[in-house]
Amino acid sequence: MMQTVQLSVADHVYAAAVREALSRSCACRVESVDRPDPGLESVLVLDESAFARLPLPLSNPERVVLITRKDPQLLALAWEAGIVSVVSEEDPINTVLLAIMAAALRVAKSHNVVAPSGISPSRAPVPASIPPQNRTSGSKRCKIQ
């Protein structure tokens, strides 16, 4: 299944650069949108204005890549919303791509998870054996005199 990226960035030159870099770097479908749909199972690449239009709390903030200024208030708002991928407008395009690819991996991982927790969700859990409390390691020998 091809990953979808919803690109909602008002700066058309910057959006075109991100789109071009994505087309060269990964097999994903990029959709330029004015209003991203958080209900779709896709990566959301947003600028500040698109982020401001989203209803909070975000249902899946790990899917969002926020492109913003290094403004402490905006960064705090992103942190409070649970967004883990925040890049600056001044960051190199490769850094932005890395954030988008990481978000895409998180989307794919959450889509393929069968159980909400556990290391091996396909097998039934096996209880760990607990050794006796007063057991000491090493062999004991009985000395006979």
C-alpha atoms as a PDB file:
ATOM      1  CA  MET A   1       0.000   0.000   0.000  1.00  0.00           C
ATOM      2  CA  MET A   2       1.404   3.393  -1.006  1.00  0.00           C
ATOM      3  CA  GLN A   3       1.710   5.942   1.797  1.00  0.00           C
ATOM      4  CA  THR A   4      -0.198   9.209   1.381  1.00  0.00           C
ATOM      5  CA  VAL A   5       1.174  12.573   2.475  1.00  0.00           C
ATOM      6  CA  GLN A   6      -1.241  15.472   2.890  1.00  0.00           C
ATOM      7  CA  LEU A   7       0.791  18.613   2.237  1.00  0.00           C
ATOM      8  CA  SER A   8      -0.811  21.775   3.601  1.00  0.00           C
ATOM      9  CA  VAL A   9       1.774  24.542   3.238  1.00  0.00           C
ATOM     10  CA  ALA A  10       0.744  28.041   2.099  1.00  0.00           C
ATOM     11  CA  ASP A  11       4.172  28.926   0.656  1.00  0.00           C
ATOM     12  CA  HIS A  12       3.788  27.441  -2.836  1.00  0.00           C
ATOM     13  CA  VAL A  13       7.527  27.540  -3.606  1.00  0.00           C
ATOM     14  CA  TYR A  14       8.369  25.689  -0.387  1.00  0.00           C
ATOM     15  CA  ALA A  15       5.522  23.210  -0.940  1.00  0.00           C
ATOM     16  CA  ALA A  16       6.790  22.515  -4.475  1.00  0.00           C
ATOM     17  CA  ALA A  17      10.300  21.892  -3.116  1.00  0.00           C
ATOM     18  CA  VAL A  18       8.956  19.410  -0.540  1.00  0.00           C
ATOM     19  CA  ARG A  19       6.812  17.695  -3.170  1.00  0.00           C
ATOM     20  CA  GLU A  20       9.774  17.391  -5.573  1.00  0.00           C
ATOM     21  CA  ALA A  21      12.073  16.047  -2.854  1.00  0.00           C
ATOM     22  CA  LEU A  22       9.442  13.491  -1.809  1.00  0.00           C
ATOM     23  CA  SER A  23       8.975  12.340  -5.401  1.00  0.00           C
ATOM     24  CA  ARG A  24      12.726  11.663  -5.670  1.00  0.00           C
ATOM     25  CA  SER A  25      13.171  10.080  -2.237  1.00  0.00           C
ATOM     26  CA  CYS A  26      10.221   7.874  -1.414  1.00  0.00           C
ATOM     27  CA  ALA A  27       7.325   6.014  -2.949  1.00  0.00           C
ATOM     28  CA  CYS A  28       4.423   8.042  -1.628  1.00  0.00           C
ATOM     29  CA  ARG A  29       1.434   9.884  -2.998  1.00  0.00           C
ATOM     30  CA  VAL A  30       1.528  13.607  -2.172  1.00  0.00           C
ATOM     31  CA  GLU A  31      -1.757  15.497  -2.052  1.00  0.00           C
ATOM     32  CA  SER A  32      -1.682  19.289  -1.742  1.00  0.00           C
ATOM     33  CA  VAL A  33      -4.651  20.250   0.430  1.00  0.00           C
ATOM     34  CA  ASP A  34      -5.998  23.486   1.877  1.00  0.00           C
ATOM     35  CA  ARG A  35      -7.594  21.712   4.818  1.00  0.00           C
ATOM     36  CA  PRO A  36      -5.927  18.462   5.851  1.00  0.00           C
ATOM     37  CA  ASP A  37      -8.195  15.611   6.908  1.00  0.00           C
ATOM     38  CA  PRO A  38      -6.868  14.071  10.143  1.00  0.00           C
ATOM     39  CA  GLY A  39      -9.387  11.233   9.710  1.00  0.00           C
ATOM     40  CA  LEU A  40      -7.420   9.788   6.804  1.00  0.00           C
ATOM     41  CA  GLU A  41      -4.608   7.388   7.592  1.00  0.00           C
ATOM     42  CA  SER A  42      -1.813   9.536   6.197  1.00  0.00           C
ATOM     43  CA  VAL A  43       1.053  11.811   7.138  1.00  0.00           C
ATOM     44  CA  LEU A  44       0.068  15.451   7.627  1.00  0.00           C
ATOM     45  CA  VAL A  45       2.737  17.997   6.682  1.00  0.00           C
ATOM     46  CA  LEU A  46       1.503  21.344   7.960  1.00  0.00           C
ATOM     47  CA  ASP A  47       2.587  24.927   8.277  1.00  0.00           C
ATOM     48  CA  GLU A  48       1.473  27.111  11.192  1.00  0.00           C
ATOM     49  CA  SER A  49      -1.791  28.240   9.602  1.00  0.00           C
ATOM     50  CA  ALA A  50      -2.873  24.696   8.694  1.00  0.00           C
ATOM     51  CA  PHE A  51      -2.010  23.519  12.212  1.00  0.00           C
ATOM     52  CA  ALA A  52      -4.090  26.356  13.700  1.00  0.00           C
ATOM     53  CA  ARG A  53      -7.154  25.131  11.761  1.00  0.00           C
ATOM     54  CA  LEU A  54      -6.967  21.568  13.132  1.00  0.00           C
ATOM     55  CA  PRO A  55      -9.231  20.646  16.029  1.00  0.00           C
ATOM     56  CA  LEU A  56      -7.367  19.847  19.236  1.00  0.00           C
ATOM     57  CA  PRO A  57      -6.638  17.413  20.752  1.00  0.00           C
ATOM     58  CA  LEU A  58      -5.160  15.623  17.765  1.00  0.00           C
ATOM     59  CA  SER A  59      -6.179  11.977  17.545  1.00  0.00           C
ATOM     60  CA  ASN A  60      -2.834  10.854  16.074  1.00  0.00           C
ATOM     61  CA  PRO A  61      -0.230  13.595  16.619  1.00  0.00           C
ATOM     62  CA  GLU A  62       2.604  11.210  15.698  1.00  0.00           C
ATOM     63  CA  ARG A  63       1.459  11.487  12.064  1.00  0.00           C
ATOM     64  CA  VAL A  64       1.962  15.268  11.956  1.00  0.00           C
ATOM     65  CA  VAL A  65       5.077  17.044  10.707  1.00  0.00           C
ATOM     66  CA  LEU A  66       4.874  20.717  11.622  1.00  0.00           C
ATOM     67  CA  ILE A  67       6.934  23.235   9.662  1.00  0.00           C
ATOM     68  CA  THR A  68       7.173  26.368  11.759  1.00  0.00           C
ATOM     69  CA  ARG A  69       9.267  29.279  12.951  1.00  0.00           C
ATOM     70  CA  LYS A  70      11.439  28.889  16.014  1.00  0.00           C
ATOM     71  CA  ASP A  71       8.904  30.728  18.139  1.00  0.00           C
ATOM     72  CA  PRO A  72       8.767  29.447  21.743  1.00  0.00           C
ATOM     73  CA  GLN A  73       4.967  29.856  21.915  1.00  0.00           C
ATOM     74  CA  LEU A  74       4.403  27.879  18.702  1.00  0.00           C
ATOM     75  CA  LEU A  75       6.829  25.185  19.819  1.00  0.00           C
ATOM     76  CA  ALA A  76       5.053  24.938  23.185  1.00  0.00           C
ATOM     77  CA  LEU A  77       1.695  24.611  21.426  1.00  0.00           C
ATOM     78  CA  ALA A  78       3.081  21.818  19.228  1.00  0.00           C
ATOM     79  CA  TRP A  79       4.511  20.078  22.302  1.00  0.00           C
ATOM     80  CA  GLU A  80       1.186  20.305  24.139  1.00  0.00           C
ATOM     81  CA  ALA A  81      -0.591  18.884  21.070  1.00  0.00           C
ATOM     82  CA  GLY A  82       1.733  15.856  21.180  1.00  0.00           C
ATOM     83  CA  ILE A  83       3.493  16.555  17.880  1.00  0.00           C
ATOM     84  CA  VAL A  84       6.870  14.809  17.811  1.00  0.00           C
ATOM     85  CA  SER A  85       8.108  16.012  14.409  1.00  0.00           C
ATOM     86  CA  VAL A  86       8.690  19.752  14.313  1.00  0.00           C
ATOM     87  CA  VAL A  87      11.042  21.282  11.762  1.00  0.00           C
ATOM     88  CA  SER A  88      11.985  24.859  11.100  1.00  0.00           C
ATOM     89  CA  GLU A  89      11.368  26.728   7.884  1.00  0.00           C
ATOM     90  CA  GLU A  90      15.134  27.264   7.725  1.00  0.00           C
ATOM     91  CA  ASP A  91      16.020  23.573   8.072  1.00  0.00           C
ATOM     92  CA  PRO A  92      17.520  21.848   5.022  1.00  0.00           C
ATOM     93  CA  ILE A  93      14.999  19.975   2.869  1.00  0.00           C
ATOM     94  CA  ASN A  94      16.717  16.691   3.819  1.00  0.00           C
ATOM     95  CA  THR A  95      15.800  17.311   7.463  1.00  0.00           C
ATOM     96  CA  VAL A  96      12.179  17.895   6.470  1.00  0.00           C
ATOM     97  CA  LEU A  97      12.229  14.681   4.400  1.00  0.00           C
ATOM     98  CA  LEU A  98      13.632  12.735   7.343  1.00  0.00           C
ATOM     99  CA  ALA A  99      10.808  13.984   9.573  1.00  0.00           C
ATOM    100  CA  ILE A 100       8.206  13.043   6.940  1.00  0.00           C
ATOM    101  CA  MET A 101       9.701   9.565   6.459  1.00  0.00           C
ATOM    102  CA  ALA A 102       9.772   9.005  10.234  1.00  0.00           C
ATOM    103  CA  ALA A 103       6.106   9.999  10.482  1.00  0.00           C
ATOM    104  CA  ALA A 104       5.296   7.656   7.579  1.00  0.00           C
ATOM    105  CA  LEU A 105       6.974   4.794   9.441  1.00  0.00           C
ATOM    106  CA  ARG A 106       4.905   5.593  12.534  1.00  0.00           C
ATOM    107  CA  VAL A 107       1.708   5.529  10.432  1.00  0.00           C
ATOM    108  CA  ALA A 108       2.679   2.180   8.887  1.00  0.00           C
ATOM    109  CA  LYS A 109       3.589   0.743  12.283  1.00  0.00           C
ATOM    110  CA  SER A 110       0.307   1.809  13.879  1.00  0.00           C
ATOM    111  CA  HIS A 111      -1.596   0.415  10.872  1.00  0.00           C
ATOM    112  CA  ASN A 112       0.058  -3.032  11.146  1.00  0.00           C
ATOM    113  CA  VAL A 113      -0.202  -3.444  14.921  1.00  0.00           C
ATOM    114  CA  VAL A 114      -2.522  -6.297  15.902  1.00  0.00           C
ATOM    115  CA  ALA A 115      -2.424  -5.822  19.654  1.00  0.00           C
ATOM    116  CA  PRO A 116      -2.105  -2.505  21.477  1.00  0.00           C
ATOM    117  CA  SER A 117       0.856  -3.676  23.547  1.00  0.00           C
ATOM    118  CA  GLY A 118       3.374  -6.435  23.943  1.00  0.00           C
ATOM    119  CA  ILE A 119       6.575  -7.423  22.230  1.00  0.00           C
ATOM    120  CA  SER A 120       5.163 -10.383  20.320  1.00  0.00           C
ATOM    121  CA  PRO A 121       1.464  -9.773  19.757  1.00  0.00           C
ATOM    122  CA  SER A 122       1.059 -12.887  17.578  1.00  0.00           C
ATOM    123  CA  ARG A 123       1.796 -15.344  20.366  1.00  0.00           C
ATOM    124  CA  ALA A 124       0.134 -15.837  23.713  1.00  0.00           C
ATOM    125  CA  PRO A 125       2.146 -14.413  26.604  1.00  0.00           C
ATOM    126  CA  VAL A 126       4.287 -16.900  28.512  1.00  0.00           C
ATOM    127  CA  PRO A 127       4.790 -16.186  32.208  1.00  0.00           C
ATOM    128  CA  ALA A 128       8.399 -15.741  33.251  1.00  0.00           C
ATOM    129  CA  SER A 129       9.724 -18.265  35.734  1.00  0.00           C
ATOM    130  CA  ILE A 130      10.730 -16.742  39.035  1.00  0.00           C
ATOM    131  CA  PRO A 131      13.640 -18.374  40.861  1.00  0.00           C
ATOM    132  CA  PRO A 132      13.406 -19.064  44.620  1.00  0.00           C
ATOM    133  CA  GLN A 133      14.364 -16.057  46.733  1.00  0.00           C
ATOM    134  CA  ASN A 134      17.200 -17.577  48.776  1.00  0.00           C
ATOM    135  CA  ARG A 135      18.897 -19.461  45.989  1.00  0.00           C
ATOM    136  CA  THR A 136      22.593 -18.741  45.588  1.00  0.00           C
ATOM    137  CA  SER A 137      24.494 -19.358  42.434  1.00  0.00           C
ATOM    138  CA  GLY A 138      27.197 -22.000  42.137  1.00  0.00           C
ATOM    139  CA  SER A 139      27.331 -25.595  43.245  1.00  0.00           C
ATOM    140  CA  LYS A 140      27.379 -26.623  46.878  1.00  0.00           C
ATOM    141  CA  ARG A 141      29.555 -29.440  48.098  1.00  0.00           C
ATOM    142  CA  CYS A 142      29.184 -31.255  51.298  1.00  0.00           C
ATOM    143  CA  LYS A 143      32.439 -31.667  53.201  1.00  0.00           C
ATOM    144  CA  ILE A 144      32.651 -34.961  55.143  1.00  0.00           C
ATOM    145  CA  GLN A 145      35.213 -35.349  57.890  1.00  0.00           C
END
